N, C-alpha and C. Protein backbone atom coordinates (compact mmCIF):
# COMPACT_ATOMS: atom_id res chain seq x y z
N MET A 1 95.14 127.09 82.45
CA MET A 1 94.49 127.26 81.19
C MET A 1 93.71 128.42 80.94
N ARG A 2 93.25 129.00 82.15
CA ARG A 2 92.47 130.31 82.15
C ARG A 2 92.95 131.42 81.24
N LYS A 3 94.35 131.59 81.27
CA LYS A 3 94.61 132.78 80.69
C LYS A 3 94.72 132.43 79.00
N GLY A 4 95.05 131.18 78.50
CA GLY A 4 94.70 131.07 77.20
C GLY A 4 93.45 130.99 76.84
N LEU A 5 92.49 130.88 77.70
CA LEU A 5 91.09 131.08 77.03
C LEU A 5 90.71 132.75 77.10
N GLU A 6 91.26 133.37 78.01
CA GLU A 6 91.14 134.78 78.17
C GLU A 6 91.84 135.39 76.88
N PHE A 7 92.79 134.72 76.27
CA PHE A 7 93.55 135.13 75.04
C PHE A 7 92.67 135.09 73.96
N LEU A 8 92.03 133.82 73.78
CA LEU A 8 91.20 133.37 72.77
C LEU A 8 89.90 134.34 72.71
N GLN A 9 89.42 134.77 73.88
CA GLN A 9 88.29 135.68 74.15
C GLN A 9 88.65 137.07 73.54
N TYR A 10 89.90 137.51 73.71
CA TYR A 10 90.28 138.75 73.38
C TYR A 10 90.35 138.69 71.81
N ALA A 11 90.66 137.81 71.14
CA ALA A 11 90.82 137.42 69.66
C ALA A 11 89.20 137.64 69.05
N VAL A 12 88.59 137.05 69.87
CA VAL A 12 87.11 137.21 69.37
C VAL A 12 86.50 138.41 69.54
N GLU A 13 86.93 139.22 70.59
CA GLU A 13 86.44 140.60 70.70
C GLU A 13 86.94 141.60 69.44
N CYS A 14 88.33 141.40 69.40
CA CYS A 14 88.91 142.08 68.05
C CYS A 14 88.27 141.77 66.93
N ARG A 15 87.88 140.66 66.74
CA ARG A 15 87.21 140.45 65.37
C ARG A 15 85.68 141.00 65.15
N LYS A 16 85.20 140.87 66.65
CA LYS A 16 83.83 141.59 66.51
C LYS A 16 84.02 143.22 66.23
N ILE A 17 84.77 143.79 66.91
CA ILE A 17 85.02 145.21 66.79
C ILE A 17 85.51 145.62 65.12
N ALA A 18 86.38 144.58 64.65
CA ALA A 18 86.85 144.66 63.26
C ALA A 18 85.63 144.75 62.23
N HIS A 19 84.64 143.87 62.51
CA HIS A 19 83.47 143.63 61.53
C HIS A 19 82.60 144.92 61.76
N GLN A 20 82.83 145.75 62.64
CA GLN A 20 81.95 146.97 62.78
C GLN A 20 82.52 148.05 62.03
N LEU A 21 83.85 148.08 61.69
CA LEU A 21 84.67 149.10 61.15
C LEU A 21 84.54 149.23 59.55
N ARG A 22 84.47 150.50 59.26
CA ARG A 22 84.46 150.59 57.69
C ARG A 22 85.92 150.58 57.11
N ASP A 23 86.78 151.18 57.96
CA ASP A 23 88.29 151.40 57.27
C ASP A 23 88.93 150.24 57.21
N PRO A 24 89.12 149.86 55.94
CA PRO A 24 89.95 148.25 55.64
C PRO A 24 91.17 148.27 56.50
N GLN A 25 91.95 149.32 56.57
CA GLN A 25 93.23 149.41 57.39
C GLN A 25 92.86 149.10 58.93
N HIS A 26 92.00 149.43 59.31
CA HIS A 26 91.63 149.32 60.74
C HIS A 26 91.07 147.95 60.95
N ARG A 27 90.41 147.46 60.19
CA ARG A 27 89.96 145.97 60.24
C ARG A 27 91.27 145.08 60.31
N GLN A 28 92.28 145.31 59.15
CA GLN A 28 93.30 144.60 59.08
C GLN A 28 94.13 144.62 60.22
N ARG A 29 94.27 145.77 60.72
CA ARG A 29 95.05 145.92 62.00
C ARG A 29 94.55 145.01 63.41
N LEU A 30 93.18 145.19 63.41
CA LEU A 30 92.58 144.49 64.45
C LEU A 30 92.66 142.95 64.20
N GLU A 31 92.67 142.37 62.91
CA GLU A 31 92.81 141.05 62.51
C GLU A 31 94.14 140.71 62.88
N ALA A 32 95.13 141.47 62.84
CA ALA A 32 96.53 141.08 62.92
C ALA A 32 96.67 141.07 64.70
N ILE A 33 95.74 141.76 65.40
CA ILE A 33 95.97 141.93 66.95
C ILE A 33 95.15 140.54 67.39
N ALA A 34 94.00 140.01 66.55
CA ALA A 34 93.38 138.90 67.15
C ALA A 34 94.43 137.62 66.82
N GLN A 35 94.98 137.71 65.56
CA GLN A 35 96.01 136.58 65.51
C GLN A 35 96.97 136.82 66.47
N ALA A 36 97.56 137.75 66.89
CA ALA A 36 98.43 137.80 67.96
C ALA A 36 97.90 137.20 69.27
N TRP A 37 96.79 137.41 69.63
CA TRP A 37 96.09 136.84 70.80
C TRP A 37 96.13 135.31 70.74
N GLU A 38 95.66 134.83 69.36
CA GLU A 38 95.71 133.36 69.11
C GLU A 38 97.01 132.68 69.43
N THR A 39 98.08 133.61 68.86
CA THR A 39 99.19 132.96 69.06
C THR A 39 99.65 133.04 70.24
N LEU A 40 99.48 133.91 71.21
CA LEU A 40 99.73 133.61 72.56
C LEU A 40 98.80 132.68 73.41
N ALA A 41 97.80 132.41 72.93
CA ALA A 41 97.01 131.51 73.44
C ALA A 41 97.55 129.91 73.30
N SER A 42 97.92 129.86 71.83
CA SER A 42 98.78 128.60 71.59
C SER A 42 99.95 128.40 72.30
N GLU A 43 100.69 129.58 72.44
CA GLU A 43 102.08 129.31 73.31
C GLU A 43 101.85 129.12 74.65
N ARG A 44 100.76 129.48 75.16
CA ARG A 44 100.22 129.09 76.64
C ARG A 44 99.79 127.70 76.94
N ALA A 45 99.19 127.29 75.70
CA ALA A 45 98.80 125.79 75.90
C ALA A 45 99.97 125.03 75.72
N THR A 46 100.86 125.29 74.93
CA THR A 46 102.35 124.61 74.68
C THR A 46 103.03 124.69 75.95
N GLN A 47 103.14 125.79 76.59
CA GLN A 47 103.67 125.96 77.77
C GLN A 47 103.12 124.95 79.10
N LEU A 48 101.60 124.94 79.11
CA LEU A 48 101.13 124.31 80.09
C LEU A 48 101.31 122.62 79.91
N GLY A 49 101.29 122.45 78.37
CA GLY A 49 101.81 120.98 78.16
C GLY A 49 102.95 120.54 78.50
N ARG A 50 103.95 121.28 78.27
CA ARG A 50 105.47 121.02 78.93
C ARG A 50 105.39 120.85 80.37
N GLU A 51 104.84 121.92 81.04
CA GLU A 51 104.53 121.79 82.42
C GLU A 51 103.82 120.42 83.00
N ASN A 52 102.97 120.22 82.29
CA ASN A 52 101.99 118.64 82.77
C ASN A 52 103.08 117.66 82.56
N ARG A 53 103.58 117.61 81.24
CA ARG A 53 104.58 116.33 81.09
C ARG A 53 105.99 116.29 82.19
N LYS A 54 106.47 117.53 82.40
CA LYS A 54 107.22 117.61 83.46
C LYS A 54 106.85 117.19 84.76
N ASN A 55 105.73 117.53 85.16
CA ASN A 55 105.18 117.29 86.44
C ASN A 55 104.77 115.82 86.66
N GLY A 56 104.25 115.35 85.52
CA GLY A 56 103.76 113.78 85.39
C GLY A 56 105.01 113.02 85.37
N ALA A 57 106.07 113.28 84.85
CA ALA A 57 107.26 112.63 84.55
C ALA A 57 108.02 112.69 86.04
N ALA A 58 107.83 113.86 86.83
CA ALA A 58 108.38 113.85 88.45
C ALA A 58 107.61 112.89 89.16
N ALA A 59 106.27 113.00 88.96
CA ALA A 59 105.23 112.22 89.72
C ALA A 59 105.33 110.74 89.49
N SER A 60 105.63 110.12 88.29
CA SER A 60 106.07 108.76 87.98
C SER A 60 107.30 108.49 88.52
N ALA A 61 108.40 109.21 88.59
CA ALA A 61 109.64 108.86 88.99
C ALA A 61 109.53 108.90 90.49
N GLY A 62 108.54 109.81 91.34
CA GLY A 62 108.50 109.39 92.63
C GLY A 62 107.75 108.24 93.06
N ALA A 63 106.71 107.97 92.18
CA ALA A 63 106.21 106.83 92.62
C ALA A 63 106.91 105.44 92.36
N ALA A 64 108.03 105.54 91.44
CA ALA A 64 108.77 104.22 91.11
C ALA A 64 109.72 104.37 92.15
N THR A 65 110.07 105.35 92.92
CA THR A 65 111.26 105.11 94.06
C THR A 65 110.33 104.98 95.36
N GLY A 66 109.06 105.13 95.31
CA GLY A 66 108.30 104.75 96.46
C GLY A 66 108.14 106.01 97.25
N ARG A 67 108.37 107.22 96.64
CA ARG A 67 108.17 108.64 97.47
C ARG A 67 106.80 109.22 97.23
């Protein structure tokens, strides 16, 4: 989960920098980068969810068979 939180922090940092810029194109570019970081964070959360479900299913199967 740490990576996902790092990605969200990068998005926050991009937006902080964007607010300091005067050039609208530069602000838009940093906003796009921030959105990309948020997308990566979301994808990471989805990946972890799949892994947790897979590991939970494996653990449940092992418990059902007495392993």
